[in-house]
Amino acid sequence: MPSEWNLRCPELLCEAPLQAWAALKPEDAVLQLAFYGVVGLAVLTVLVMVQVLLFGEVAKRQAKRRQIFNDSWRPYFAMCSLSDDLPEAALPRSRTQQRWLLLQWNRTQMQLRGAAHERMNRALVALGMEHQALGLLRGRVRDKLIGLTCLRHLADTRHWDAVMPLLQSRNTIVSLTAAQTLVAIDSARAMQTILAAAASRPDWALPRLASLCLQAGEQAVTGPLLALLNTTPASDHRLAALLVHSDPRHAAGWARAQLDDEAPIERLLVALRCLGELGDPRDRACLIEMLAHNNPSVRLEALLALSRQARSEDWNLFMPLLEDPNWPVRQAAANSLTVLPGMTAERLQQLLQAVDDRYGQDALRRAIAEAGR
């Protein structure tokens, strides 16, 4: 009968929890509020733990699937890098797997050079993943970086217009990665655009800009940088530090024009480095004059530049600098004395006895010991 189906709920399941709740719940209103707060925190803690466990399990399974995917494509990439004949392969359908494929291709390309690098480029184009890389430029930051890295390895001028807008991105990493890709595509054209944009991008750190200059080469950097410095006010000297990555022969004119006591110290230091790299004897008089500058960094750069073209009679220029109040200047002067043309161990000992300053003597002794004299 239906009436027999109405079974009573067991007391352990239905009544016992209610009785326990009633026994634990305090009667005072303030204590009840604290009690409910503790219970809520406990429930929230349990939910967070469950969420962490679930996310961890999902991430673990995804990592396993990705490892299987990478292992399946690794032989294909190895064959592509070794042979001009491209093996057949089915393009992954899901966007996630396509992104995995591009990431693995990028990692492989970072290890390859020459013909193997070009073969891998042809393999990516043959798979049709070139269009996928271009499509990633319209995605999120992570997708943009993956796409830009792919296009940097391809270094195809057809992609210039697609990459160029990302140079103006407000995201510093994206804009600098776009700059790196443009340099790989066309270094001379890229540096004209990048250096002009760098003047209004203080978020582009100088070490990153220096890396771009090294990637582009001296010939691509010299012309645009000198043109920018000649049209930039003297007070804006940030990009002048990049001149050390240009051709010293072409930068010498700008460097000589900066040898003025009223010039900003940063520009003066860059100018002295350029003249030191050039090693032109016509600059000796200016370098000797800068040895008496009131800024110790300027004295040091002038000393280093002069030591590259030093003569045997220049010991009388370096000896007074052993009494310089700045330690790097004293040590650089001592090192320069030990490498002068025709300098002997006996002559160094005579110069050591002629030094009155105790710190200068210590610097020269250290330089003699390091030079093995």
Protein backbone atom coordinates (compact mmCIF):
# COMPACT_ATOMS: atom_id res chain seq x y z
CA MET A 1 0.00 0.00 0.00
CA PRO A 2 1.14 3.64 -0.58
CA SER A 3 0.72 4.40 3.09
CA GLU A 4 3.38 1.82 3.89
CA TRP A 5 5.93 3.73 1.76
CA ASN A 6 5.96 6.74 4.12
CA LEU A 7 8.96 5.58 6.08
CA ARG A 8 10.12 7.68 8.99
CA CYS A 9 13.51 9.47 8.65
CA PRO A 10 16.15 7.86 10.86
CA GLU A 11 16.84 9.82 14.00
CA LEU A 12 20.61 9.81 13.38
CA LEU A 13 20.19 11.60 10.03
CA CYS A 14 17.33 14.00 10.69
CA GLU A 15 16.94 14.76 14.35
CA ALA A 16 20.50 14.41 15.66
CA PRO A 17 22.00 17.25 13.51
CA LEU A 18 19.19 19.62 14.54
CA GLN A 19 19.68 18.76 18.20
CA ALA A 20 23.45 19.30 17.90
CA TRP A 21 22.91 22.66 16.18
CA ALA A 22 20.49 23.77 18.89
CA ALA A 23 22.92 22.69 21.60
CA LEU A 24 25.87 24.53 20.05
CA LYS A 25 24.05 27.75 19.17
CA PRO A 26 24.38 30.25 22.05
CA GLU A 27 21.36 32.12 23.36
CA ASP A 28 23.04 35.53 23.58
CA ALA A 29 22.58 37.61 20.40
CA VAL A 30 26.20 38.80 20.29
CA LEU A 31 27.50 35.28 20.75
CA GLN A 32 25.13 34.07 18.05
CA LEU A 33 26.63 36.60 15.64
CA ALA A 34 30.14 35.39 16.45
CA PHE A 35 28.99 31.77 16.14
CA TYR A 36 27.53 32.33 12.69
CA GLY A 37 30.72 34.12 11.66
CA VAL A 38 32.87 31.16 12.71
CA VAL A 39 30.58 28.74 10.89
CA GLY A 40 30.67 30.90 7.76
CA LEU A 41 34.47 31.04 7.82
CA ALA A 42 34.64 27.28 8.25
CA VAL A 43 32.35 26.72 5.28
CA LEU A 44 34.32 29.22 3.19
CA THR A 45 37.59 27.49 4.10
CA VAL A 46 36.22 24.13 3.03
CA LEU A 47 34.99 25.59 -0.26
CA VAL A 48 38.38 27.17 -0.97
CA MET A 49 40.13 23.87 -0.24
CA VAL A 50 37.78 22.06 -2.61
CA GLN A 51 38.38 24.70 -5.28
CA VAL A 52 42.16 24.39 -4.91
CA LEU A 53 41.95 20.62 -5.19
CA LEU A 54 39.75 20.84 -8.28
CA PHE A 55 41.95 23.41 -9.99
CA GLY A 56 45.05 21.39 -9.15
CA GLU A 57 43.54 18.27 -10.65
CA VAL A 58 42.46 20.15 -13.77
CA ALA A 59 45.93 21.70 -14.17
CA LYS A 60 47.57 18.32 -13.66
CA ARG A 61 45.44 16.69 -16.36
CA GLN A 62 46.01 19.59 -18.75
CA ALA A 63 49.77 19.41 -18.19
CA LYS A 64 49.66 15.70 -18.94
CA ARG A 65 47.69 16.27 -22.15
CA ARG A 66 50.12 18.99 -23.19
CA GLN A 67 53.11 16.74 -22.53
CA ILE A 68 51.55 14.02 -24.69
CA PHE A 69 50.88 16.60 -27.41
CA ASN A 70 54.46 17.92 -27.31
CA ASP A 71 55.89 14.41 -27.43
CA SER A 72 53.79 13.63 -30.49
CA TRP A 73 55.05 16.71 -32.38
CA ARG A 74 58.70 16.57 -31.33
CA PRO A 75 59.69 13.99 -33.99
CA TYR A 76 57.98 16.09 -36.65
CA PHE A 77 59.98 19.19 -35.73
CA ALA A 78 63.18 17.15 -35.63
CA MET A 79 62.56 15.86 -39.17
CA CYS A 80 61.70 19.36 -40.41
CA SER A 81 64.94 20.81 -39.05
CA LEU A 82 67.08 18.09 -40.65
CA SER A 83 65.51 17.65 -44.07
CA ASP A 84 64.20 19.92 -46.81
CA ASP A 85 61.38 17.46 -47.46
CA LEU A 86 58.53 18.33 -45.13
CA PRO A 87 56.69 15.34 -43.62
CA GLU A 88 52.92 15.28 -43.66
CA ALA A 89 51.07 16.27 -40.52
CA ALA A 90 47.49 17.07 -39.54
CA LEU A 91 46.95 20.55 -38.15
CA PRO A 92 45.46 20.59 -34.62
CA ARG A 93 41.85 21.68 -34.63
CA SER A 94 41.42 23.18 -31.18
CA ARG A 95 42.77 26.66 -30.49
CA THR A 96 44.46 25.42 -27.32
CA GLN A 97 46.45 22.80 -29.19
CA GLN A 98 47.34 25.32 -31.89
CA ARG A 99 48.72 27.60 -29.19
CA TRP A 100 50.69 24.67 -27.76
CA LEU A 101 52.10 23.99 -31.22
CA LEU A 102 53.25 27.60 -31.62
CA LEU A 103 54.85 27.59 -28.18
CA GLN A 104 56.76 24.40 -28.93
CA TRP A 105 57.80 25.77 -32.32
CA ASN A 106 59.10 28.96 -30.66
CA ARG A 107 61.14 26.98 -28.14
CA THR A 108 62.60 24.86 -30.93
CA GLN A 109 63.50 27.90 -33.03
CA MET A 110 65.40 29.47 -30.14
CA GLN A 111 67.83 26.53 -30.30
CA LEU A 112 68.30 26.48 -34.09
CA ARG A 113 70.46 28.55 -36.42
CA GLY A 114 71.10 28.80 -40.12
CA ALA A 115 69.51 26.32 -42.52
CA ALA A 116 67.68 24.43 -39.77
CA HIS A 117 66.04 27.67 -38.66
CA GLU A 118 64.88 28.38 -42.22
CA ARG A 119 63.50 24.86 -42.62
CA MET A 120 61.43 25.29 -39.49
CA ASN A 121 60.07 28.55 -40.87
CA ARG A 122 58.96 26.78 -44.04
CA ALA A 123 57.36 24.04 -41.96
CA LEU A 124 55.28 26.55 -40.00
CA VAL A 125 54.07 28.22 -43.19
CA ALA A 126 53.28 24.84 -44.76
CA LEU A 127 51.15 23.92 -41.74
CA GLY A 128 49.17 27.12 -42.15
CA MET A 129 50.12 28.29 -38.64
CA GLU A 130 51.44 31.59 -39.97
CA HIS A 131 47.87 32.86 -40.14
CA GLN A 132 47.24 31.60 -36.61
CA ALA A 133 50.23 33.60 -35.36
CA LEU A 134 48.88 36.72 -37.07
CA GLY A 135 45.49 36.10 -35.48
CA LEU A 136 47.03 35.98 -32.01
CA LEU A 137 48.08 39.62 -32.39
CA ARG A 138 44.44 40.56 -31.82
CA GLY A 139 44.13 38.51 -28.63
CA ARG A 140 45.14 38.99 -25.04
CA VAL A 141 48.62 39.95 -23.88
CA ARG A 142 49.82 36.35 -23.69
CA ASP A 143 48.52 35.63 -27.19
CA LYS A 144 50.16 38.78 -28.54
CA LEU A 145 53.53 37.74 -27.12
CA ILE A 146 53.27 34.26 -28.64
CA GLY A 147 52.32 35.69 -32.03
CA LEU A 148 55.07 38.32 -31.98
CA THR A 149 57.68 35.72 -31.10
CA CYS A 150 56.58 33.56 -34.03
CA LEU A 151 56.73 36.49 -36.43
CA ARG A 152 60.16 37.46 -35.10
CA HIS A 153 61.50 34.04 -36.07
CA LEU A 154 59.82 34.23 -39.48
CA ALA A 155 61.24 37.75 -40.06
CA ASP A 156 59.08 38.29 -43.14
CA THR A 157 58.57 41.83 -44.45
CA ARG A 158 54.94 40.94 -45.24
CA HIS A 159 54.20 41.05 -41.50
CA TRP A 160 55.47 44.61 -40.96
CA ASP A 161 52.05 46.25 -41.14
CA ALA A 162 50.56 43.69 -38.74
CA VAL A 163 53.26 44.22 -36.10
CA MET A 164 53.68 47.99 -36.42
CA PRO A 165 50.51 49.01 -34.45
CA LEU A 166 51.66 47.00 -31.41
CA LEU A 167 54.72 49.25 -31.09
CA GLN A 168 52.34 51.89 -29.69
CA SER A 169 50.80 49.50 -27.15
CA ARG A 170 50.51 50.88 -23.64
CA ASN A 171 51.73 47.54 -22.34
CA THR A 172 55.51 47.89 -22.06
CA ILE A 173 56.27 44.21 -22.63
CA VAL A 174 54.08 44.02 -25.73
CA SER A 175 55.52 47.20 -27.25
CA LEU A 176 59.14 46.13 -26.65
CA THR A 177 58.45 42.66 -28.04
CA ALA A 178 56.93 44.30 -31.11
CA ALA A 179 60.07 46.42 -31.42
CA GLN A 180 62.21 43.29 -31.28
CA THR A 181 60.10 41.71 -34.02
CA LEU A 182 60.38 44.80 -36.22
CA VAL A 183 64.17 44.77 -35.85
CA ALA A 184 64.23 41.14 -36.96
CA ILE A 185 62.13 42.03 -40.02
CA ASP A 186 64.04 45.15 -41.15
CA SER A 187 66.63 46.50 -38.72
CA ALA A 188 67.39 49.81 -40.49
CA ARG A 189 63.74 50.73 -40.99
CA ALA A 190 62.83 49.54 -37.50
CA MET A 191 65.44 51.61 -35.65
CA GLN A 192 64.22 54.81 -37.32
CA THR A 193 60.75 54.15 -35.93
CA ILE A 194 61.81 52.71 -32.56
CA LEU A 195 64.23 55.48 -31.61
CA ALA A 196 61.72 58.15 -32.56
CA ALA A 197 59.11 56.44 -30.37
CA ALA A 198 61.59 55.87 -27.52
CA ALA A 199 61.92 59.61 -26.99
CA SER A 200 58.32 59.69 -25.74
CA ARG A 201 58.33 56.29 -23.99
CA PRO A 202 60.05 56.64 -20.59
CA ASP A 203 58.71 53.18 -19.70
CA TRP A 204 61.16 51.65 -22.18
CA ALA A 205 64.19 50.90 -20.02
CA LEU A 206 67.61 51.74 -21.43
CA PRO A 207 68.93 48.16 -21.06
CA ARG A 208 66.09 46.92 -23.26
CA LEU A 209 66.78 49.66 -25.81
CA ALA A 210 70.47 48.78 -25.71
CA SER A 211 69.57 45.16 -26.43
CA LEU A 212 67.58 46.30 -29.47
CA CYS A 213 70.57 48.33 -30.66
CA LEU A 214 72.84 45.31 -30.35
CA GLN A 215 70.33 43.21 -32.27
CA ALA A 216 70.04 45.82 -35.04
CA GLY A 217 73.78 46.50 -35.38
CA GLU A 218 75.88 49.65 -35.58
CA GLN A 219 74.92 50.57 -39.13
CA ALA A 220 71.20 50.54 -38.38
CA VAL A 221 71.58 52.52 -35.14
CA THR A 222 74.07 55.26 -35.99
CA GLY A 223 72.13 57.36 -38.48
CA PRO A 224 68.72 57.50 -36.74
CA LEU A 225 70.27 58.01 -33.30
CA LEU A 226 72.51 60.88 -34.38
CA ALA A 227 69.63 62.53 -36.20
CA LEU A 228 67.50 62.26 -33.08
CA LEU A 229 70.22 63.59 -30.77
CA ASN A 230 70.90 66.55 -33.03
CA THR A 231 67.23 67.57 -32.92
CA THR A 232 66.64 66.78 -29.24
CA PRO A 233 67.16 69.48 -26.59
CA ALA A 234 70.34 69.06 -24.58
CA SER A 235 68.30 68.63 -21.42
CA ASP A 236 66.80 65.40 -22.81
CA HIS A 237 69.87 63.19 -22.71
CA ARG A 238 68.37 59.76 -21.93
CA LEU A 239 68.94 58.25 -25.37
CA ALA A 240 72.49 59.58 -25.58
CA ALA A 241 73.64 56.54 -23.60
CA LEU A 242 72.77 54.39 -26.63
CA LEU A 243 75.47 56.07 -28.70
CA VAL A 244 78.04 53.58 -27.42
CA HIS A 245 76.27 51.00 -29.63
CA SER A 246 76.74 53.09 -32.79
CA ASP A 247 79.69 53.40 -35.15
CA PRO A 248 82.33 55.54 -33.34
CA ARG A 249 83.61 56.95 -36.64
CA HIS A 250 80.27 58.58 -37.38
CA ALA A 251 79.52 59.46 -33.76
CA ALA A 252 82.83 61.25 -33.24
CA GLY A 253 81.54 64.60 -34.50
CA TRP A 254 78.63 64.60 -32.07
CA ALA A 255 80.88 63.39 -29.24
CA ARG A 256 83.44 66.15 -29.75
CA ALA A 257 80.68 68.75 -29.71
CA GLN A 258 79.66 67.59 -26.22
CA LEU A 259 83.07 68.17 -24.60
CA ASP A 260 81.96 71.27 -22.77
CA ASP A 261 81.90 71.94 -19.04
CA GLU A 262 78.29 73.04 -19.33
CA ALA A 263 77.15 69.86 -21.08
CA PRO A 264 75.02 67.40 -19.04
CA ILE A 265 77.19 64.84 -17.27
CA GLU A 266 75.40 61.90 -18.91
CA ARG A 267 76.08 63.24 -22.39
CA LEU A 268 79.66 64.01 -21.46
CA LEU A 269 80.24 60.45 -20.27
CA VAL A 270 78.76 58.98 -23.46
CA ALA A 271 80.90 61.31 -25.57
CA LEU A 272 84.07 60.23 -23.77
CA ARG A 273 83.19 56.56 -24.23
CA CYS A 274 82.71 57.12 -27.95
CA LEU A 275 86.04 58.92 -28.27
CA GLY A 276 87.70 56.16 -26.30
CA GLU A 277 86.35 53.55 -28.73
CA LEU A 278 87.52 55.64 -31.69
CA GLY A 279 91.05 56.19 -30.36
CA ASP A 280 91.75 59.22 -32.55
CA PRO A 281 95.01 61.02 -31.54
CA ARG A 282 93.36 64.33 -32.46
CA ASP A 283 91.23 64.00 -29.32
CA ARG A 284 94.19 63.76 -26.92
CA ALA A 285 94.14 67.44 -25.98
CA CYS A 286 90.44 67.33 -25.09
CA LEU A 287 90.86 64.12 -23.11
CA ILE A 288 93.80 65.54 -21.16
CA GLU A 289 91.73 68.62 -20.36
CA MET A 290 88.90 66.43 -19.05
CA LEU A 291 91.29 64.79 -16.56
CA ALA A 292 90.87 67.94 -14.44
CA HIS A 293 87.06 67.94 -14.52
CA ASN A 294 85.34 68.40 -11.15
CA ASN A 295 83.15 65.30 -11.65
CA PRO A 296 84.95 62.03 -10.76
CA SER A 297 82.95 60.01 -13.30
CA VAL A 298 84.10 62.35 -16.07
CA ARG A 299 87.71 62.10 -14.91
CA LEU A 300 87.46 58.33 -14.91
CA GLU A 301 86.00 58.12 -18.43
CA ALA A 302 88.59 60.57 -19.74
CA LEU A 303 91.36 58.52 -18.14
CA LEU A 304 90.06 55.27 -19.62
CA ALA A 305 89.73 56.86 -23.05
CA LEU A 306 93.24 58.32 -22.88
CA SER A 307 94.81 55.06 -21.70
CA ARG A 308 93.70 53.37 -24.95
CA GLN A 309 96.00 55.65 -26.92
CA ALA A 310 98.58 56.31 -24.21
CA ARG A 311 102.22 56.96 -24.99
CA SER A 312 105.30 56.18 -22.96
CA GLU A 313 105.64 59.80 -21.82
CA ASP A 314 102.08 59.90 -20.47
CA TRP A 315 103.23 58.67 -17.06
CA ASN A 316 103.41 62.31 -15.96
CA LEU A 317 99.68 62.65 -16.76
CA PHE A 318 98.71 59.58 -14.74
CA MET A 319 100.93 60.12 -11.71
CA PRO A 320 98.97 63.13 -10.30
CA LEU A 321 95.77 61.06 -10.55
CA LEU A 322 97.16 58.61 -7.98
CA GLU A 323 96.32 61.31 -5.43
CA ASP A 324 92.76 61.75 -6.72
CA PRO A 325 90.15 61.66 -3.90
CA ASN A 326 88.07 59.16 -5.90
CA TRP A 327 89.18 55.53 -5.52
CA PRO A 328 88.16 54.30 -9.03
CA VAL A 329 90.15 57.15 -10.58
CA ARG A 330 93.24 56.28 -8.50
CA GLN A 331 93.02 52.61 -9.40
CA ALA A 332 92.44 53.32 -13.10
CA ALA A 333 95.48 55.61 -13.13
CA ALA A 334 97.58 52.90 -11.49
CA ASN A 335 96.39 50.30 -13.99
CA SER A 336 97.17 52.66 -16.86
CA LEU A 337 100.73 53.15 -15.61
CA THR A 338 101.44 49.42 -15.65
CA VAL A 339 100.43 49.04 -19.32
CA LEU A 340 102.26 52.06 -20.75
CA PRO A 341 104.51 51.26 -23.72
CA GLY A 342 108.07 50.57 -22.59
CA MET A 343 107.16 50.47 -18.89
CA THR A 344 109.44 48.15 -16.90
CA ALA A 345 109.25 46.70 -13.42
CA GLU A 346 112.19 48.84 -12.30
CA ARG A 347 110.53 51.99 -13.59
CA LEU A 348 107.29 51.10 -11.80
CA GLN A 349 109.18 50.72 -8.53
CA GLN A 350 110.73 54.14 -9.02
CA LEU A 351 107.29 55.65 -9.64
CA LEU A 352 105.98 53.88 -6.55
CA GLN A 353 108.66 55.49 -4.41
CA ALA A 354 107.74 58.90 -5.85
CA VAL A 355 104.08 58.65 -4.78
CA ASP A 356 103.43 60.56 -1.55
CA ASP A 357 99.77 59.63 -1.10
CA ARG A 358 99.31 56.41 0.91
CA TYR A 359 96.15 55.42 -0.96
CA GLY A 360 97.86 56.09 -4.28
CA GLN A 361 100.71 53.79 -3.23
CA ASP A 362 98.23 51.06 -2.36
CA ALA A 363 96.53 51.41 -5.75
CA LEU A 364 99.83 51.21 -7.63
CA ARG A 365 101.02 48.22 -5.57
CA ARG A 366 97.77 46.42 -6.40
CA ALA A 367 98.12 47.22 -10.09
CA ILE A 368 101.75 46.02 -10.13
CA ALA A 369 100.78 42.77 -8.42
CA GLU A 370 97.91 42.15 -10.84
CA ALA A 371 100.13 42.89 -13.83
CA GLY A 372 102.79 40.48 -12.56
CA ARG A 373 105.48 43.15 -12.50
